Amino acid sequence: MRALILGAGAVGGYYGGRLVEAGADVTFFVREARARLLAEHGLRIESALGGARLDVRTACDRQALAPFDLVILSCKAYDLDDALETIAGAVGPQTGVLSLLNGLVHLDRIAARFPRATVFGGVARISATLGGDGIVRHFGVLNRIDFGARDGGADARLEALRDFFARTPVDARLSAEIEQELWDKFVFLATLAGITTLMRASVGTVLATPAGETLILRLLAECEDIARAEGHAPAPEKFADFRAELTRPGSPLKASMLRDMERGGPTEGEHILGDMLARAQRAGVAAPVLEIAATNVRAYEASRASAG
């Protein structure tokens, strides 16, 4: 199986590097500067589960791409349109596209752009970063990835992906219920992003205020109601996990969306909060805290746009 990974950053670089370790036929589509760095130093991973320095194959010219068996997307949602144009030459009728983006709305956009390809759902659970020195640094030991066909059916490409990961430290799971996995992460992330961007603070800091826990749980309940209206409410034990994680005193947890705002960059606000709110409105589900959180990020994006 020939796989193309768009980018060699924190997520794509880590999971792609582990696939290379296992002997998979992987090509990374990267910018020329990143390609030069990879050619000179290799793909470097630092992790408590084992570091690596890997010689990898790269591509930089989107016009020269030919169809692959599998294309893996791990970009930010605000880069999706450019990403889809970048990989267009790599996607043929027999290609599978595995998305590791947060949320759900991107799956329909990918399917609309490549109607003859097969779009798979994926959820990456990892804390990693790409350093200025080009090293992918993995924090902690969590490095789970779930993927599957949206209809729950079997697919030889996903089975091959699972088998390659089985030779690595990655906790890879081929799921027959990937839609529910995507919804579970969507509910948790919309709550986390909504409350931490609205308050410009970590979960622990919000909890230290008199009404902090009440607001977090109201937002979590709203997102759960929306998921239930769409037929994908989290299981009770999953919801209990979310509640525990979002009400842990002193927690430093904050959404990457807040970090994007803190550095003045673009956010996935519309992709996560905007889409969740749109689903609430279509279903007639009241979501006042979510509406305020989405408006907050929309106002931030409008200010960025007016400032050029």
Protein backbone atom coordinates (compact mmCIF):
# COMPACT_ATOMS: atom_id res chain seq x y z
CA MET A 1 0.00 0.00 0.00
CA ARG A 2 1.35 3.40 -1.04
CA ALA A 3 0.42 6.23 1.32
CA LEU A 4 0.81 10.00 1.00
CA ILE A 5 0.79 12.12 4.16
CA LEU A 6 0.15 15.82 3.78
CA GLY A 7 2.79 17.49 5.91
CA ALA A 8 5.38 16.19 8.35
CA GLY A 9 4.44 18.23 11.38
CA ALA A 10 3.40 17.16 14.85
CA VAL A 11 0.59 14.75 13.94
CA GLY A 12 1.51 13.76 10.39
CA GLY A 13 5.19 13.55 11.22
CA TYR A 14 4.64 11.40 14.29
CA TYR A 15 2.17 8.88 12.88
CA GLY A 16 3.83 8.89 9.47
CA GLY A 17 7.23 8.35 11.04
CA ARG A 18 5.92 5.37 12.97
CA LEU A 19 4.59 3.92 9.71
CA VAL A 20 8.01 4.36 8.10
CA GLU A 21 9.54 2.57 11.10
CA ALA A 22 7.21 -0.35 10.38
CA GLY A 23 8.30 -0.54 6.74
CA ALA A 24 5.29 1.12 5.12
CA ASP A 25 5.63 2.83 1.74
CA VAL A 26 5.08 6.44 2.82
CA THR A 27 5.67 9.75 1.05
CA PHE A 28 5.36 13.10 2.84
CA PHE A 29 4.12 16.08 0.84
CA VAL A 30 5.93 19.07 2.35
CA ARG A 31 7.19 22.53 1.53
CA GLU A 32 10.65 22.78 -0.01
CA ALA A 33 12.28 24.10 3.17
CA ARG A 34 10.92 21.16 5.18
CA ALA A 35 12.02 18.75 2.44
CA ARG A 36 15.58 20.10 2.63
CA LEU A 37 15.61 19.72 6.41
CA LEU A 38 14.32 16.16 6.17
CA ALA A 39 16.90 15.31 3.52
CA GLU A 40 19.71 16.67 5.67
CA HIS A 41 18.69 15.43 9.12
CA GLY A 42 15.95 12.86 8.52
CA LEU A 43 12.56 12.80 10.21
CA ARG A 44 13.39 13.04 13.91
CA ILE A 45 11.01 11.95 16.65
CA GLU A 46 11.57 12.38 20.36
CA SER A 47 9.24 10.29 22.53
CA ALA A 48 9.18 8.44 25.82
CA LEU A 49 8.04 5.47 23.74
CA GLY A 50 11.20 5.53 21.67
CA GLY A 51 12.91 8.12 19.50
CA ALA A 52 13.76 7.78 15.84
CA ARG A 53 15.77 9.31 13.03
CA LEU A 54 14.31 8.16 9.74
CA ASP A 55 15.20 8.60 6.11
CA VAL A 56 11.93 9.51 4.41
CA ARG A 57 10.62 10.11 0.92
CA THR A 58 9.23 13.58 0.21
CA ALA A 59 7.35 15.39 -2.56
CA CYS A 60 6.94 19.13 -3.08
CA ASP A 61 5.37 19.56 -6.54
CA ARG A 62 1.61 19.11 -6.46
CA GLN A 63 1.52 19.01 -10.26
CA ALA A 64 3.71 15.90 -10.28
CA LEU A 65 1.52 13.82 -7.97
CA ALA A 66 -0.08 10.59 -9.19
CA PRO A 67 -2.77 8.58 -7.36
CA PHE A 68 -1.89 6.81 -4.11
CA ASP A 69 -3.75 4.02 -2.35
CA LEU A 70 -4.23 6.15 0.77
CA VAL A 71 -3.90 9.87 1.49
CA ILE A 72 -3.79 11.02 5.12
CA LEU A 73 -4.81 14.58 6.02
CA SER A 74 -3.72 16.06 9.35
CA CYS A 75 -3.92 19.78 8.58
CA LYS A 76 -5.89 22.42 10.45
CA ALA A 77 -9.46 22.96 9.23
CA TYR A 78 -8.70 26.50 8.11
CA ASP A 79 -6.13 25.07 5.69
CA LEU A 80 -8.51 22.46 4.27
CA ASP A 81 -9.33 24.14 0.95
CA ASP A 82 -5.66 24.55 0.07
CA ALA A 83 -4.94 21.03 1.31
CA LEU A 84 -7.58 19.54 -0.99
CA GLU A 85 -6.10 21.31 -3.99
CA THR A 86 -2.62 20.18 -2.96
CA ILE A 87 -3.54 16.50 -2.86
CA ALA A 88 -5.83 16.54 -5.91
CA GLY A 89 -3.30 14.76 -8.14
CA ALA A 90 -2.79 12.06 -5.51
CA VAL A 91 -6.49 11.16 -5.33
CA GLY A 92 -7.89 8.78 -7.92
CA PRO A 93 -11.02 6.58 -8.07
CA GLN A 94 -9.28 3.86 -6.04
CA THR A 95 -7.83 6.21 -3.42
CA GLY A 96 -8.92 6.33 0.21
CA VAL A 97 -8.68 9.67 2.01
CA LEU A 98 -8.23 9.42 5.78
CA SER A 99 -8.93 12.66 7.60
CA LEU A 100 -7.57 13.31 11.09
CA LEU A 101 -9.16 16.77 11.35
CA ASN A 102 -11.33 17.72 14.31
CA GLY A 103 -15.08 17.98 13.90
CA LEU A 104 -17.33 16.56 11.19
CA VAL A 105 -18.16 19.10 8.52
CA HIS A 106 -14.88 18.56 6.65
CA LEU A 107 -15.83 14.98 5.75
CA ASP A 108 -18.62 16.16 3.45
CA ARG A 109 -16.34 18.76 1.92
CA ILE A 110 -13.71 16.13 1.15
CA ALA A 111 -16.35 13.82 -0.35
CA ALA A 112 -17.71 16.66 -2.50
CA ARG A 113 -14.23 17.49 -3.81
CA PHE A 114 -13.37 13.85 -4.54
CA PRO A 115 -16.69 12.11 -5.27
CA ARG A 116 -15.10 8.94 -6.65
CA ALA A 117 -12.69 8.43 -3.73
CA THR A 118 -13.52 6.78 -0.41
CA VAL A 119 -13.46 9.11 2.61
CA PHE A 120 -12.52 7.54 5.94
CA GLY A 121 -12.96 9.04 9.39
CA GLY A 122 -10.10 9.27 11.85
CA VAL A 123 -9.46 10.53 15.37
CA ALA A 124 -5.93 11.27 16.60
CA ARG A 125 -5.30 11.48 20.32
CA ILE A 126 -1.80 12.75 20.95
CA SER A 127 0.11 15.66 22.49
CA ALA A 128 2.96 16.55 20.16
CA THR A 129 4.62 19.56 18.60
CA LEU A 130 6.99 20.34 15.77
CA GLY A 131 9.95 22.30 17.13
CA GLY A 132 11.73 25.09 15.35
CA ASP A 133 14.63 22.67 14.94
CA GLY A 134 12.43 20.34 12.88
CA ILE A 135 12.10 17.68 15.58
CA VAL A 136 8.69 16.12 16.28
CA ARG A 137 8.36 15.97 20.06
CA HIS A 138 5.78 13.65 21.59
CA PHE A 139 4.70 14.44 25.16
CA GLY A 140 3.52 11.73 27.54
CA VAL A 141 2.62 8.27 26.32
CA LEU A 142 -0.82 8.77 24.77
CA ASN A 143 -0.54 8.18 21.03
CA ARG A 144 -3.82 6.59 20.04
CA ILE A 145 -5.38 6.75 16.60
CA ASP A 146 -8.83 5.44 15.63
CA PHE A 147 -9.93 5.11 12.03
CA GLY A 148 -12.63 3.38 10.05
CA ALA A 149 -15.04 3.40 7.15
CA ARG A 150 -17.97 5.71 7.76
CA ASP A 151 -20.44 2.92 7.01
CA GLY A 152 -18.63 0.57 9.40
CA GLY A 153 -17.58 -1.80 6.62
CA ALA A 154 -14.24 -3.51 6.09
CA ASP A 155 -11.52 -2.03 3.89
CA ALA A 156 -8.19 -3.62 2.95
CA ARG A 157 -6.35 -0.29 3.10
CA LEU A 158 -7.42 0.36 6.68
CA GLU A 159 -6.59 -3.22 7.66
CA ALA A 160 -3.09 -2.75 6.20
CA LEU A 161 -2.73 0.53 8.11
CA ARG A 162 -3.72 -1.19 11.34
CA ASP A 163 -1.24 -4.00 10.69
CA PHE A 164 1.65 -1.57 10.10
CA PHE A 165 0.85 0.34 13.28
CA ALA A 166 0.78 -2.95 15.20
CA ARG A 167 4.56 -3.10 14.73
CA THR A 168 5.00 0.28 16.43
CA PRO A 169 4.24 1.89 19.83
CA VAL A 170 1.08 3.47 18.36
CA ASP A 171 -2.24 2.38 19.85
CA ALA A 172 -4.11 2.03 16.55
CA ARG A 173 -7.72 0.88 16.49
CA LEU A 174 -9.77 0.00 13.42
CA SER A 175 -13.28 1.03 14.46
CA ALA A 176 -16.60 -0.12 13.06
CA GLU A 177 -18.19 2.90 14.80
CA ILE A 178 -15.93 5.73 13.70
CA GLU A 179 -18.89 8.11 13.31
CA GLN A 180 -19.58 7.80 17.04
CA GLU A 181 -15.87 8.23 17.82
CA LEU A 182 -15.90 11.44 15.78
CA TRP A 183 -19.02 12.70 17.54
CA ASP A 184 -17.59 11.92 20.97
CA LYS A 185 -14.50 14.00 20.26
CA PHE A 186 -16.67 16.71 18.69
CA VAL A 187 -18.77 17.04 21.87
CA PHE A 188 -15.74 17.18 24.13
CA LEU A 189 -13.74 19.55 21.92
CA ALA A 190 -16.63 21.96 21.33
CA THR A 191 -17.09 22.21 25.10
CA LEU A 192 -13.39 22.64 25.81
CA ALA A 193 -12.82 25.12 22.97
CA GLY A 194 -16.00 27.02 23.70
CA ILE A 195 -15.33 27.60 27.39
CA THR A 196 -11.57 28.22 27.24
CA THR A 197 -11.77 30.65 24.31
CA LEU A 198 -14.72 32.47 25.87
CA MET A 199 -12.92 32.89 29.18
CA ARG A 200 -9.40 33.16 27.71
CA ALA A 201 -8.27 30.75 30.40
CA SER A 202 -7.51 27.13 31.21
CA VAL A 203 -10.13 24.77 32.62
CA GLY A 204 -8.61 25.04 36.10
CA THR A 205 -8.73 28.82 36.04
CA VAL A 206 -12.37 28.81 34.92
CA LEU A 207 -13.25 26.32 37.66
CA ALA A 208 -11.71 28.61 40.27
CA THR A 209 -14.42 31.21 39.60
CA PRO A 210 -17.83 31.06 41.34
CA ALA A 211 -19.86 30.16 38.24
CA GLY A 212 -17.11 28.40 36.28
CA GLU A 213 -18.17 24.80 36.81
CA THR A 214 -21.83 25.64 36.19
CA LEU A 215 -21.05 27.22 32.82
CA ILE A 216 -18.77 24.36 31.74
CA LEU A 217 -21.44 21.78 32.54
CA ARG A 218 -24.15 23.83 30.82
CA LEU A 219 -22.08 23.94 27.65
CA LEU A 220 -21.29 20.23 27.88
CA ALA A 221 -25.00 19.45 28.29
CA GLU A 222 -25.87 21.60 25.27
CA CYS A 223 -23.34 19.77 23.09
CA GLU A 224 -24.62 16.43 24.36
CA ASP A 225 -28.19 17.46 23.48
CA ILE A 226 -27.10 18.37 19.95
CA ALA A 227 -25.33 15.03 19.51
CA ARG A 228 -28.43 13.22 20.78
CA ALA A 229 -30.61 15.10 18.29
CA GLU A 230 -28.33 13.81 15.53
CA GLY A 231 -28.44 10.24 16.85
CA HIS A 232 -24.93 10.23 18.30
CA ALA A 233 -25.18 10.97 22.02
CA PRO A 234 -22.07 9.86 23.93
CA ALA A 235 -22.45 6.68 25.98
CA PRO A 236 -23.03 7.39 29.70
CA GLU A 237 -19.54 6.25 30.68
CA LYS A 238 -18.00 8.43 27.96
CA PHE A 239 -20.01 11.44 29.10
CA ALA A 240 -18.88 10.78 32.68
CA ASP A 241 -15.26 10.83 31.46
CA PHE A 242 -15.84 14.17 29.75
CA ARG A 243 -17.42 15.62 32.86
CA ALA A 244 -14.54 14.45 35.04
CA GLU A 245 -11.91 15.84 32.65
CA LEU A 246 -13.65 19.21 32.39
CA THR A 247 -14.17 19.65 36.13
CA ARG A 248 -10.72 18.66 37.42
CA PRO A 249 -9.56 21.41 39.84
CA GLY A 250 -6.34 23.10 38.80
CA SER A 251 -6.38 21.54 35.32
CA PRO A 252 -4.04 23.33 32.88
CA LEU A 253 -6.13 22.04 29.96
CA LYS A 254 -6.97 24.52 27.26
CA ALA A 255 -8.01 24.08 23.64
CA SER A 256 -5.54 24.60 20.82
CA MET A 257 -8.12 27.09 19.53
CA LEU A 258 -7.28 29.31 22.50
CA ARG A 259 -3.56 28.98 21.76
CA ASP A 260 -4.30 30.06 18.17
CA MET A 261 -6.10 33.13 19.50
CA GLU A 262 -3.31 33.94 21.95
CA ARG A 263 -0.81 34.10 19.11
CA GLY A 264 -3.19 36.11 16.91
CA GLY A 265 -3.63 33.34 14.35
CA PRO A 266 -6.63 31.88 12.53
CA THR A 267 -8.83 29.40 14.39
CA GLU A 268 -11.04 26.39 13.70
CA GLY A 269 -13.90 28.27 15.35
CA GLU A 270 -16.34 28.02 12.46
CA HIS A 271 -15.41 24.40 11.83
CA ILE A 272 -16.04 23.38 15.46
CA LEU A 273 -18.23 25.90 17.30
CA GLY A 274 -19.97 27.32 14.23
CA ASP A 275 -20.86 23.88 12.90
CA MET A 276 -22.07 22.63 16.29
CA LEU A 277 -24.26 25.73 16.62
CA ALA A 278 -25.66 25.29 13.10
CA ARG A 279 -26.63 21.71 13.97
CA ALA A 280 -28.36 22.94 17.13
CA GLN A 281 -30.35 25.51 15.16
CA ARG A 282 -31.40 22.98 12.51
CA ALA A 283 -32.53 20.54 15.22
CA GLY A 284 -34.26 23.20 17.32
CA VAL A 285 -31.99 22.57 20.29
CA ALA A 286 -31.48 25.51 22.66
CA ALA A 287 -27.77 26.26 23.06
CA PRO A 288 -27.32 29.75 24.57
CA VAL A 289 -23.83 29.20 26.01
CA LEU A 290 -22.63 27.67 22.74
CA GLU A 291 -24.08 30.63 20.83
CA ILE A 292 -22.14 33.08 23.00
CA ALA A 293 -18.94 31.04 22.62
CA ALA A 294 -19.32 30.86 18.84
CA THR A 295 -20.04 34.60 18.65
CA ASN A 296 -16.93 35.31 20.70
CA VAL A 297 -14.68 33.49 18.22
CA ARG A 298 -16.51 35.00 15.25
CA ALA A 299 -15.91 38.47 16.68
CA TYR A 300 -12.23 37.59 17.12
CA GLU A 301 -12.00 36.47 13.49
CA ALA A 302 -13.78 39.62 12.31
CA SER A 303 -11.30 41.75 14.24
CA ARG A 304 -8.39 39.84 12.66
CA ALA A 305 -9.85 40.38 9.21
CA SER A 306 -10.40 44.13 9.72
CA ALA A 307 -6.86 44.49 11.02
CA GLY A 308 -5.49 42.83 7.90
